[in-house]
Amino acid sequence: MENTASITELERRFGIPRIAQVVAGYGGLPKVRITSPAAGGEMYLHGAHVTSWRPAPAEEVLFLSSKSRWQDGIAIRGGVPICFPWFGDKAGDPKAPAHGFVRTKSWQLDSIAHSGDAVTVSMSTGSEEGTMQWWPYDFRLNYHVTFGAELSLELEVHNIGTAPFHFEEALHAYHRVGDVRVARVKGLDGVHYLDKADKYREKVQQGEVVIASETDRVYLSTPGSLELHDPALRRRVSVAKENSLTTVVWNPWADKAKEMVDLGDNEWTRMLCIETSNVLGYAVEVAPGQKHRMKAVLRVAAL
């Protein structure tokens, strides 16, 4: 009942008739549902997690697992999880949650704004007793997501404490593809990368990125745009970045996917993660009273 009451209140405060509604999503978790003429979309308060973007007249752009678990404290499998303040496992602390703690935290809905053909949803979260046990710094995150002909994801990290801090961050976007085995990622030719599937060995990309086995790579010094070519769905998705110097490309492939309880049978063939990020040696330092902003913009066109 409490969740239902809070959803009703959020809809009263922020809903925009025929454009954006706050409703109960899977598991009864509150979400913002976008139904504008320019685009459909969904964004959960759980993790400030974008789970859908459908720019008119295109099909769904993001992958969402049919086996995702919709529960407090558990990450949603698919969409765009936010990794912060570390990426992967936390160094020196095996008990810490993978990819940080904000993707499983309930965020605050701050505003829903309609301008022209686009709808911007803003959410925030910050340090409190539960986060201090894992990362002893005072911070605030502001996240602005604009649903329209393009999808804009803008994450701001504010240091509201008295000491500088380092952090890693990633917008862990799961792209929906027709068949990952024929998809291609362009824009990384000649780039050095760390191959996590091969003991972090440093390698150099030759030509387009082709997915032919388990792929888990951190591409280094990559401020430019990328393109995902998807011949099976006859489209290309461009990913433009700001203030991001690493790009993670990930697909678990068949064997590892079988070990993932929140991924459906053969769903690994229909997803490819391309992650706007600052990780490993490209972690960010923010001084007290300062902020850092990272942004990704997705666009879809016919192939």
C-alpha atoms as a PDB file:
ATOM      1  CA  MET A   1       0.000   0.000   0.000  1.00  0.00           C
ATOM      2  CA  GLU A   2       2.833   2.410   0.843  1.00  0.00           C
ATOM      3  CA  ASN A   3       4.383   1.976  -2.616  1.00  0.00           C
ATOM      4  CA  THR A   4       1.017   2.528  -4.283  1.00  0.00           C
ATOM      5  CA  ALA A   5       0.444   5.685  -2.243  1.00  0.00           C
ATOM      6  CA  SER A   6       3.871   7.076  -3.150  1.00  0.00           C
ATOM      7  CA  ILE A   7       3.310   6.349  -6.855  1.00  0.00           C
ATOM      8  CA  THR A   8      -0.036   8.148  -6.707  1.00  0.00           C
ATOM      9  CA  GLU A   9       1.604  11.166  -5.061  1.00  0.00           C
ATOM     10  CA  LEU A  10       4.479  11.226  -7.569  1.00  0.00           C
ATOM     11  CA  GLU A  11       2.011  11.071 -10.448  1.00  0.00           C
ATOM     12  CA  ARG A  12       0.042  13.949  -8.936  1.00  0.00           C
ATOM     13  CA  ARG A  13       3.184  16.068  -8.574  1.00  0.00           C
ATOM     14  CA  PHE A  14       5.063  15.229 -11.780  1.00  0.00           C
ATOM     15  CA  GLY A  15       2.732  13.583 -14.309  1.00  0.00           C
ATOM     16  CA  ILE A  16       2.077  15.296 -17.657  1.00  0.00           C
ATOM     17  CA  PRO A  17      -1.180  14.157 -19.302  1.00  0.00           C
ATOM     18  CA  ARG A  18      -0.653  12.131 -22.507  1.00  0.00           C
ATOM     19  CA  ILE A  19       3.109  12.721 -22.234  1.00  0.00           C
ATOM     20  CA  ALA A  20       4.545  11.224 -19.030  1.00  0.00           C
ATOM     21  CA  GLN A  21       3.051   9.221 -16.183  1.00  0.00           C
ATOM     22  CA  VAL A  22       4.408   7.766 -12.934  1.00  0.00           C
ATOM     23  CA  VAL A  23       3.063   4.224 -12.707  1.00  0.00           C
ATOM     24  CA  ALA A  24       3.822   0.868 -11.115  1.00  0.00           C
ATOM     25  CA  GLY A  25       6.292  -1.168 -13.141  1.00  0.00           C
ATOM     26  CA  TYR A  26       7.472  -4.737 -12.773  1.00  0.00           C
ATOM     27  CA  GLY A  27       7.525  -5.883  -9.158  1.00  0.00           C
ATOM     28  CA  GLY A  28       5.406  -2.867  -8.242  1.00  0.00           C
ATOM     29  CA  LEU A  29       8.484  -0.616  -8.547  1.00  0.00           C
ATOM     30  CA  PRO A  30       7.673   2.986  -9.525  1.00  0.00           C
ATOM     31  CA  LYS A  31       8.664   4.081 -13.011  1.00  0.00           C
ATOM     32  CA  VAL A  32       8.192   7.037 -15.325  1.00  0.00           C
ATOM     33  CA  ARG A  33       6.501   6.033 -18.575  1.00  0.00           C
ATOM     34  CA  ILE A  34       7.002   8.323 -21.565  1.00  0.00           C
ATOM     35  CA  THR A  35       4.270   8.316 -24.212  1.00  0.00           C
ATOM     36  CA  SER A  36       5.077  11.398 -26.295  1.00  0.00           C
ATOM     37  CA  PRO A  37       4.627  11.535 -30.093  1.00  0.00           C
ATOM     38  CA  ALA A  38       8.430  11.639 -30.549  1.00  0.00           C
ATOM     39  CA  ALA A  39       9.340   8.651 -28.386  1.00  0.00           C
ATOM     40  CA  GLY A  40       8.223   6.063 -25.889  1.00  0.00           C
ATOM     41  CA  GLY A  41      10.374   5.157 -22.930  1.00  0.00           C
ATOM     42  CA  GLU A  42      10.618   3.956 -19.357  1.00  0.00           C
ATOM     43  CA  MET A  43      12.807   4.923 -16.416  1.00  0.00           C
ATOM     44  CA  TYR A  44      12.614   3.313 -12.973  1.00  0.00           C
ATOM     45  CA  LEU A  45      13.356   5.114  -9.714  1.00  0.00           C
ATOM     46  CA  HIS A  46      15.136   1.879  -8.774  1.00  0.00           C
ATOM     47  CA  GLY A  47      18.682   2.720  -9.832  1.00  0.00           C
ATOM     48  CA  ALA A  48      17.464   5.638 -12.000  1.00  0.00           C
ATOM     49  CA  HIS A  49      17.409   2.839 -14.538  1.00  0.00           C
ATOM     50  CA  VAL A  50      16.345   3.539 -18.130  1.00  0.00           C
ATOM     51  CA  THR A  51      14.762   0.313 -19.408  1.00  0.00           C
ATOM     52  CA  SER A  52      13.220   1.390 -22.728  1.00  0.00           C
ATOM     53  CA  TRP A  53      13.631   3.906 -25.549  1.00  0.00           C
ATOM     54  CA  ARG A  54      11.601   3.754 -28.751  1.00  0.00           C
ATOM     55  CA  PRO A  55      12.097   6.807 -30.960  1.00  0.00           C
ATOM     56  CA  ALA A  56       9.213   7.083 -33.425  1.00  0.00           C
ATOM     57  CA  PRO A  57       8.871   5.230 -35.717  1.00  0.00           C
ATOM     58  CA  ALA A  58      11.780   2.920 -34.768  1.00  0.00           C
ATOM     59  CA  GLU A  59      11.603  -0.296 -32.760  1.00  0.00           C
ATOM     60  CA  GLU A  60      12.947  -0.704 -29.223  1.00  0.00           C
ATOM     61  CA  VAL A  61      16.650   0.241 -29.004  1.00  0.00           C
ATOM     62  CA  LEU A  62      17.510  -1.169 -25.555  1.00  0.00           C
ATOM     63  CA  PHE A  63      17.680  -4.816 -24.506  1.00  0.00           C
ATOM     64  CA  LEU A  64      15.857  -5.973 -21.370  1.00  0.00           C
ATOM     65  CA  SER A  65      16.154  -9.520 -20.069  1.00  0.00           C
ATOM     66  CA  SER A  66      12.968 -11.558 -19.720  1.00  0.00           C
ATOM     67  CA  LYS A  67      14.472 -13.040 -16.550  1.00  0.00           C
ATOM     68  CA  SER A  68      15.394  -9.786 -14.826  1.00  0.00           C
ATOM     69  CA  ARG A  69      14.529  -9.746 -11.115  1.00  0.00           C
ATOM     70  CA  TRP A  70      12.484  -6.726 -10.069  1.00  0.00           C
ATOM     71  CA  GLN A  71      13.387  -6.393  -6.406  1.00  0.00           C
ATOM     72  CA  ASP A  72      14.876  -3.832  -4.051  1.00  0.00           C
ATOM     73  CA  GLY A  73      18.620  -4.335  -3.702  1.00  0.00           C
ATOM     74  CA  ILE A  74      18.960  -6.315  -6.960  1.00  0.00           C
ATOM     75  CA  ALA A  75      20.142  -4.812 -10.238  1.00  0.00           C
ATOM     76  CA  ILE A  76      17.895  -4.839 -13.315  1.00  0.00           C
ATOM     77  CA  ARG A  77      19.404  -6.865 -16.176  1.00  0.00           C
ATOM     78  CA  GLY A  78      19.324  -4.712 -19.297  1.00  0.00           C
ATOM     79  CA  GLY A  79      18.519  -1.107 -20.148  1.00  0.00           C
ATOM     80  CA  VAL A  80      21.113   1.347 -18.854  1.00  0.00           C
ATOM     81  CA  PRO A  81      22.409   0.586 -15.342  1.00  0.00           C
ATOM     82  CA  ILE A  82      24.604   3.242 -13.692  1.00  0.00           C
ATOM     83  CA  CYS A  83      27.929   1.971 -12.333  1.00  0.00           C
ATOM     84  CA  PHE A  84      29.348   4.190  -9.534  1.00  0.00           C
ATOM     85  CA  PRO A  85      31.672   4.703  -7.650  1.00  0.00           C
ATOM     86  CA  TRP A  86      33.565   1.671  -8.926  1.00  0.00           C
ATOM     87  CA  PHE A  87      33.325  -0.544 -11.997  1.00  0.00           C
ATOM     88  CA  GLY A  88      33.244  -4.331 -11.683  1.00  0.00           C
ATOM     89  CA  ASP A  89      34.492  -5.661  -8.374  1.00  0.00           C
ATOM     90  CA  LYS A  90      35.777  -3.197  -5.789  1.00  0.00           C
ATOM     91  CA  ALA A  91      39.531  -3.561  -5.351  1.00  0.00           C
ATOM     92  CA  GLY A  92      40.418  -5.053  -1.984  1.00  0.00           C
ATOM     93  CA  ASP A  93      36.813  -5.620  -0.909  1.00  0.00           C
ATOM     94  CA  PRO A  94      35.230  -8.799  -2.328  1.00  0.00           C
ATOM     95  CA  LYS A  95      32.071  -8.286  -0.244  1.00  0.00           C
ATOM     96  CA  ALA A  96      31.284  -4.931  -1.831  1.00  0.00           C
ATOM     97  CA  PRO A  97      28.469  -4.897  -4.436  1.00  0.00           C
ATOM     98  CA  ALA A  98      29.611  -5.276  -8.045  1.00  0.00           C
ATOM     99  CA  HIS A  99      29.575  -2.052 -10.067  1.00  0.00           C
ATOM    100  CA  GLY A 100      28.965   0.055  -6.956  1.00  0.00           C
ATOM    101  CA  PHE A 101      25.756   0.678  -5.071  1.00  0.00           C
ATOM    102  CA  VAL A 102      23.679   3.276  -6.947  1.00  0.00           C
ATOM    103  CA  ARG A 103      22.209   0.851  -9.517  1.00  0.00           C
ATOM    104  CA  THR A 104      20.349  -0.974  -6.719  1.00  0.00           C
ATOM    105  CA  LYS A 105      19.403   2.156  -4.753  1.00  0.00           C
ATOM    106  CA  SER A 106      16.051   3.956  -4.903  1.00  0.00           C
ATOM    107  CA  TRP A 107      16.575   7.428  -6.407  1.00  0.00           C
ATOM    108  CA  GLN A 108      14.504  10.570  -5.944  1.00  0.00           C
ATOM    109  CA  LEU A 109      12.392  11.858  -8.811  1.00  0.00           C
ATOM    110  CA  ASP A 110      13.116  15.603  -9.081  1.00  0.00           C
ATOM    111  CA  SER A 111      11.285  16.710 -12.220  1.00  0.00           C
ATOM    112  CA  ILE A 112       9.702  15.790 -15.539  1.00  0.00           C
ATOM    113  CA  ALA A 113       9.895  18.520 -18.178  1.00  0.00           C
ATOM    114  CA  HIS A 114       8.333  18.612 -21.649  1.00  0.00           C
ATOM    115  CA  SER A 115      10.026  20.839 -24.231  1.00  0.00           C
ATOM    116  CA  GLY A 116       9.187  20.599 -27.926  1.00  0.00           C
ATOM    117  CA  ASP A 117       9.228  16.928 -28.900  1.00  0.00           C
ATOM    118  CA  ALA A 118      11.428  15.822 -25.990  1.00  0.00           C
ATOM    119  CA  VAL A 119      10.775  14.838 -22.373  1.00  0.00           C
ATOM    120  CA  THR A 120      13.517  15.189 -19.735  1.00  0.00           C
ATOM    121  CA  VAL A 121      13.344  13.154 -16.537  1.00  0.00           C
ATOM    122  CA  SER A 122      15.670  14.222 -13.706  1.00  0.00           C
ATOM    123  CA  MET A 123      16.524  12.041 -10.707  1.00  0.00           C
ATOM    124  CA  SER A 124      19.071  12.308  -7.893  1.00  0.00           C
ATOM    125  CA  THR A 125      20.660  10.368  -5.076  1.00  0.00           C
ATOM    126  CA  GLY A 126      23.492  10.907  -2.615  1.00  0.00           C
ATOM    127  CA  SER A 127      25.547   9.713   0.276  1.00  0.00           C
ATOM    128  CA  GLU A 128      23.912   8.406   3.435  1.00  0.00           C
ATOM    129  CA  GLU A 129      24.661   5.860   6.138  1.00  0.00           C
ATOM    130  CA  GLY A 130      24.147   2.912   3.809  1.00  0.00           C
ATOM    131  CA  THR A 131      26.656   4.179   1.238  1.00  0.00           C
ATOM    132  CA  MET A 132      29.275   5.250   3.786  1.00  0.00           C
ATOM    133  CA  GLN A 133      29.967   1.646   4.767  1.00  0.00           C
ATOM    134  CA  TRP A 134      31.224   1.012   1.237  1.00  0.00           C
ATOM    135  CA  TRP A 135      32.629   4.403   0.223  1.00  0.00           C
ATOM    136  CA  PRO A 136      33.279   7.043   2.930  1.00  0.00           C
ATOM    137  CA  TYR A 137      32.644  10.218   0.924  1.00  0.00           C
ATOM    138  CA  ASP A 138      29.883  12.809   0.697  1.00  0.00           C
ATOM    139  CA  PHE A 139      28.482  13.036  -2.818  1.00  0.00           C
ATOM    140  CA  ARG A 140      25.384  13.843  -4.823  1.00  0.00           C
ATOM    141  CA  LEU A 141      24.472  12.437  -8.235  1.00  0.00           C
ATOM    142  CA  ASN A 142      22.128  14.255 -10.600  1.00  0.00           C
ATOM    143  CA  TYR A 143      20.943  12.326 -13.645  1.00  0.00           C
ATOM    144  CA  HIS A 144      19.098  13.953 -16.556  1.00  0.00           C
ATOM    145  CA  VAL A 145      17.627  11.692 -19.247  1.00  0.00           C
ATOM    146  CA  THR A 146      15.979  13.162 -22.334  1.00  0.00           C
ATOM    147  CA  PHE A 147      13.667  10.925 -24.375  1.00  0.00           C
ATOM    148  CA  GLY A 148      13.042  12.096 -27.918  1.00  0.00           C
ATOM    149  CA  ALA A 149      14.365  11.504 -31.427  1.00  0.00           C
ATOM    150  CA  GLU A 150      17.640  10.884 -29.581  1.00  0.00           C
ATOM    151  CA  LEU A 151      18.292   9.546 -26.093  1.00  0.00           C
ATOM    152  CA  SER A 152      20.484  11.804 -23.966  1.00  0.00           C
ATOM    153  CA  LEU A 153      21.980  10.456 -20.718  1.00  0.00           C
ATOM    154  CA  GLU A 154      23.785  13.014 -18.547  1.00  0.00           C
ATOM    155  CA  LEU A 155      25.302  12.069 -15.185  1.00  0.00           C
ATOM    156  CA  GLU A 156      26.661  14.724 -12.811  1.00  0.00           C
ATOM    157  CA  VAL A 157      28.843  13.784  -9.823  1.00  0.00           C
ATOM    158  CA  HIS A 158      29.070  16.463  -7.121  1.00  0.00           C
ATOM    159  CA  ASN A 159      31.622  16.387  -4.305  1.00  0.00           C
ATOM    160  CA  ILE A 160      29.736  17.924  -1.370  1.00  0.00           C
ATOM    161  CA  GLY A 161      32.314  16.860   1.228  1.00  0.00           C
ATOM    162  CA  THR A 162      35.595  18.285   2.491  1.00  0.00           C
ATOM    163  CA  ALA A 163      38.009  15.794   0.884  1.00  0.00           C
ATOM    164  CA  PRO A 164      38.744  15.024  -2.778  1.00  0.00           C
ATOM    165  CA  PHE A 165      37.663  11.631  -4.075  1.00  0.00           C
ATOM    166  CA  HIS A 166      38.359   9.292  -7.004  1.00  0.00           C
ATOM    167  CA  PHE A 167      35.634   7.285  -8.678  1.00  0.00           C
ATOM    168  CA  GLU A 168      34.877   5.131 -11.701  1.00  0.00           C
ATOM    169  CA  GLU A 169      31.629   5.508 -13.635  1.00  0.00           C
ATOM    170  CA  ALA A 170      29.806   3.835 -16.503  1.00  0.00           C
ATOM    171  CA  LEU A 171      26.503   4.131 -18.321  1.00  0.00           C
ATOM    172  CA  HIS A 172      26.241   0.388 -18.914  1.00  0.00           C
ATOM    173  CA  ALA A 173      23.953   0.485 -21.970  1.00  0.00           C
ATOM    174  CA  TYR A 174      22.545  -2.826 -23.228  1.00  0.00           C
ATOM    175  CA  HIS A 175      21.799  -2.410 -26.941  1.00  0.00           C
ATOM    176  CA  ARG A 176      19.158  -4.652 -28.485  1.00  0.00           C
ATOM    177  CA  VAL A 177      20.476  -6.333 -31.640  1.00  0.00           C
ATOM    178  CA  GLY A 178      18.993  -8.833 -34.070  1.00  0.00           C
ATOM    179  CA  ASP A 179      22.002 -11.174 -33.820  1.00  0.00           C
ATOM    180  CA  VAL A 180      25.170 -10.143 -31.990  1.00  0.00           C
ATOM    181  CA  ARG A 181      27.217 -12.510 -34.172  1.00  0.00           C
ATOM    182  CA  VAL A 182      26.670 -10.325 -37.242  1.00  0.00           C
ATOM    183  CA  ALA A 183      26.660  -6.931 -35.480  1.00  0.00           C
ATOM    184  CA  ARG A 184      29.695  -4.657 -35.815  1.00  0.00           C
ATOM    185  CA  VAL A 185      31.082  -1.752 -33.779  1.00  0.00           C
ATOM    186  CA  LYS A 186      32.843   0.932 -35.820  1.00  0.00           C
ATOM    187  CA  GLY A 187      35.092   3.730 -34.573  1.00  0.00           C
ATOM    188  CA  LEU A 188      37.643   1.777 -32.524  1.00  0.00           C
ATOM    189  CA  ASP A 189      40.135   0.713 -35.196  1.00  0.00           C
ATOM    190  CA  GLY A 190      43.716   1.112 -33.926  1.00  0.00           C
ATOM    191  CA  VAL A 191      42.611   1.736 -30.327  1.00  0.00           C
ATOM    192  CA  HIS A 192      44.421   0.005 -27.447  1.00  0.00           C
ATOM    193  CA  TYR A 193      42.226  -2.048 -25.130  1.00  0.00           C
ATOM    194  CA  LEU A 194      42.484  -4.234 -22.051  1.00  0.00           C
ATOM    195  CA  ASP A 195      41.026  -7.685 -22.659  1.00  0.00           C
ATOM    196  CA  LYS A 196      39.323  -8.734 -19.406  1.00  0.00           C
ATOM    197  CA  ALA A 197      38.505 -12.125 -20.939  1.00  0.00           C
ATOM    198  CA  ASP A 198      42.253 -12.708 -21.428  1.00  0.00           C
ATOM    199  CA  LYS A 199      43.753 -11.686 -18.062  1.00  0.00           C
ATOM    200  CA  TYR A 200      43.615  -7.942 -18.849  1.00  0.00           C
ATOM    201  CA  ARG A 201      46.223  -8.246 -21.598  1.00  0.00           C
ATOM    202  CA  GLU A 202      46.643  -5.036 -23.570  1.00  0.00           C
ATOM    203  CA  LYS A 203      45.856  -5.397 -27.266  1.00  0.00           C
ATOM    204  CA  VAL A 204      45.177  -3.205 -30.295  1.00  0.00           C
ATOM    205  CA  GLN A 205      41.877  -3.304 -32.168  1.00  0.00           C
ATOM    206  CA  GLN A 206      42.193  -4.236 -35.831  1.00  0.00           C
ATOM    207  CA  GLY A 207      39.270  -2.987 -37.914  1.00  0.00           C
ATOM    208  CA  GLU A 208      35.667  -3.273 -36.714  1.00  0.00           C
ATOM    209  CA  VAL A 209      34.790  -4.974 -33.425  1.00  0.00           C
ATOM    210  CA  VAL A 210      33.328  -8.405 -34.212  1.00  0.00           C
ATOM    211  CA  ILE A 211      31.720 -10.533 -31.488  1.00  0.00           C
ATOM    212  CA  ALA A 212      32.769 -14.166 -31.973  1.00  0.00           C
ATOM    213  CA  SER A 213      33.346 -15.325 -28.368  1.00  0.00           C
ATOM    214  CA  GLU A 214      33.071 -13.969 -24.825  1.00  0.00           C
ATOM    215  CA  THR A 215      33.930 -10.282 -25.163  1.00  0.00           C
ATOM    216  CA  ASP A 216      34.823  -8.023 -22.244  1.00  0.00           C
ATOM    217  CA  ARG A 217      37.071  -5.170 -23.305  1.00  0.00           C
ATOM    218  CA  VAL A 218      37.975  -1.744 -21.958  1.00  0.00           C
ATOM    219  CA  TYR A 219      38.964   0.512 -24.855  1.00  0.00           C
ATOM    220  CA  LEU A 220      41.329   3.264 -23.724  1.00  0.00           C
ATOM    221  CA  SER A 221      41.438   6.961 -24.603  1.00  0.00           C
ATOM    222  CA  THR A 222      38.196   6.933 -26.606  1.00  0.00           C
ATOM    223  CA  PRO A 223      36.567  10.384 -26.468  1.00  0.00           C
ATOM    224  CA  GLY A 224      35.005  10.092 -29.936  1.00  0.00           C
ATOM    225  CA  SER A 225      31.738   8.705 -31.290  1.00  0.00           C
ATOM    226  CA  LEU A 226      31.048   5.072 -32.129  1.00  0.00           C
ATOM    227  CA  GLU A 227      28.543   3.294 -34.353  1.00  0.00           C
ATOM    228  CA  LEU A 228      26.808  -0.041 -33.837  1.00  0.00           C
ATOM    229  CA  HIS A 229      25.871  -1.559 -37.194  1.00  0.00           C
ATOM    230  CA  ASP A 230      23.076  -4.120 -36.934  1.00  0.00           C
ATOM    231  CA  PRO A 231      22.324  -5.752 -40.307  1.00  0.00           C
ATOM    232  CA  ALA A 232      19.791  -8.145 -38.746  1.00  0.00           C
ATOM    233  CA  LEU A 233      17.596  -5.210 -37.665  1.00  0.00           C
ATOM    234  CA  ARG A 234      18.753  -3.059 -40.616  1.00  0.00           C
ATOM    235  CA  ARG A 235      19.764  -0.098 -38.486  1.00  0.00           C
ATOM    236  CA  ARG A 236      22.769   1.677 -37.035  1.00  0.00           C
ATOM    237  CA  VAL A 237      22.986   3.285 -33.618  1.00  0.00           C
ATOM    238  CA  SER A 238      25.499   6.051 -33.009  1.00  0.00           C
ATOM    239  CA  VAL A 239      26.868   6.724 -29.526  1.00  0.00           C
ATOM    240  CA  ALA A 240      28.292  10.215 -29.011  1.00  0.00           C
ATOM    241  CA  LYS A 241      30.150  10.902 -25.761  1.00  0.00           C
ATOM    242  CA  GLU A 242      31.258  13.846 -23.652  1.00  0.00           C
ATOM    243  CA  ASN A 243      33.870  13.688 -20.864  1.00  0.00           C
ATOM    244  CA  SER A 244      34.276   9.933 -21.300  1.00  0.00           C
ATOM    245  CA  LEU A 245      37.715   8.475 -22.011  1.00  0.00           C
ATOM    246  CA  THR A 246      36.998   4.738 -21.914  1.00  0.00           C
ATOM    247  CA  THR A 247      34.498   2.529 -23.712  1.00  0.00           C
ATOM    248  CA  VAL A 248      33.542  -0.952 -22.527  1.00  0.00           C
ATOM    249  CA  VAL A 249      32.262  -3.518 -25.040  1.00  0.00           C
ATOM    250  CA  TRP A 250      30.723  -6.632 -23.457  1.00  0.00           C
ATOM    251  CA  ASN A 251      28.839  -9.770 -24.386  1.00  0.00           C
ATOM    252  CA  PRO A 252      28.960 -12.898 -22.173  1.00  0.00           C
ATOM    253  CA  TRP A 253      28.602 -15.405 -25.075  1.00  0.00           C
ATOM    254  CA  ALA A 254      26.930 -18.776 -24.625  1.00  0.00           C
ATOM    255  CA  ASP A 255      28.780 -20.489 -21.761  1.00  0.00           C
ATOM    256  CA  LYS A 256      28.908 -17.530 -19.395  1.00  0.00           C
ATOM    257  CA  ALA A 257      25.322 -16.581 -20.220  1.00  0.00           C
ATOM    258  CA  LYS A 258      24.158 -19.984 -18.971  1.00  0.00           C
ATOM    259  CA  GLU A 259      25.541 -19.104 -15.523  1.00  0.00           C
ATOM    260  CA  MET A 260      23.485 -15.892 -15.347  1.00  0.00           C
ATOM    261  CA  VAL A 261      20.166 -16.622 -13.632  1.00  0.00           C
ATOM    262  CA  ASP A 262      18.684 -13.295 -14.741  1.00  0.00           C
ATOM    263  CA  LEU A 263      19.321 -13.833 -18.464  1.00  0.00           C
ATOM    264  CA  GLY A 264      16.951 -15.890 -20.594  1.00  0.00           C
ATOM    265  CA  ASP A 265      17.948 -18.762 -22.870  1.00  0.00           C
ATOM    266  CA  ASN A 266      19.913 -17.501 -25.882  1.00  0.00           C
ATOM    267  CA  GLU A 267      19.179 -13.868 -24.966  1.00  0.00           C
ATOM    268  CA  TRP A 268      22.918 -13.224 -25.179  1.00  0.00           C
ATOM    269  CA  THR A 269      22.513 -13.303 -28.968  1.00  0.00           C
ATOM    270  CA  ARG A 270      20.194 -10.272 -28.824  1.00  0.00           C
ATOM    271  CA  MET A 271      22.312  -7.889 -26.724  1.00  0.00           C
ATOM    272  CA  LEU A 272      25.571  -5.977 -26.917  1.00  0.00           C
ATOM    273  CA  CYS A 273      26.781  -3.605 -24.230  1.00  0.00           C
ATOM    274  CA  ILE A 274      28.565  -0.429 -25.328  1.00  0.00           C
ATOM    275  CA  GLU A 275      29.377   1.514 -22.187  1.00  0.00           C
ATOM    276  CA  THR A 276      30.249   5.195 -21.961  1.00  0.00           C
ATOM    277  CA  SER A 277      32.664   5.260 -19.045  1.00  0.00           C
ATOM    278  CA  ASN A 278      35.713   6.431 -17.109  1.00  0.00           C
ATOM    279  CA  VAL A 279      37.245   3.330 -15.534  1.00  0.00           C
ATOM    280  CA  LEU A 280      40.552   1.777 -14.418  1.00  0.00           C
ATOM    281  CA  GLY A 281      43.411   4.222 -15.074  1.00  0.00           C
ATOM    282  CA  TYR A 282      40.896   6.816 -16.295  1.00  0.00           C
ATOM    283  CA  ALA A 283      39.099   7.148 -12.954  1.00  0.00           C
ATOM    284  CA  VAL A 284      38.019  10.720 -12.203  1.00  0.00           C
ATOM    285  CA  GLU A 285      39.102  12.917  -9.289  1.00  0.00           C
ATOM    286  CA  VAL A 286      36.758  15.649  -8.049  1.00  0.00           C
ATOM    287  CA  ALA A 287      37.809  18.272  -5.517  1.00  0.00           C
ATOM    288  CA  PRO A 288      35.507  19.454  -2.707  1.00  0.00           C
ATOM    289  CA  GLY A 289      32.773  21.712  -4.022  1.00  0.00           C
ATOM    290  CA  GLN A 290      33.406  20.664  -7.632  1.00  0.00           C
ATOM    291  CA  LYS A 291      31.508  18.418 -10.059  1.00  0.00           C
ATOM    292  CA  HIS A 292      32.116  16.155 -13.044  1.00  0.00           C
ATOM    293  CA  ARG A 293      29.667  15.609 -15.900  1.00  0.00           C
ATOM    294  CA  MET A 294      29.620  12.664 -18.325  1.00  0.00           C
ATOM    295  CA  LYS A 295      27.167  12.381 -21.183  1.00  0.00           C
ATOM    296  CA  ALA A 296      26.112   9.875 -23.840  1.00  0.00           C
ATOM    297  CA  VAL A 297      23.739  10.542 -26.739  1.00  0.00           C
ATOM    298  CA  LEU A 298      22.194   7.695 -28.778  1.00  0.00           C
ATOM    299  CA  ARG A 299      20.752   8.161 -32.264  1.00  0.00           C
ATOM    300  CA  VAL A 300      19.182   5.620 -34.621  1.00  0.00           C
ATOM    301  CA  ALA A 301      19.198   5.555 -38.421  1.00  0.00           C
ATOM    302  CA  ALA A 302      18.468   3.043 -41.155  1.00  0.00           C
ATOM    303  CA  LEU A 303      21.337   0.893 -42.342  1.00  0.00           C
END
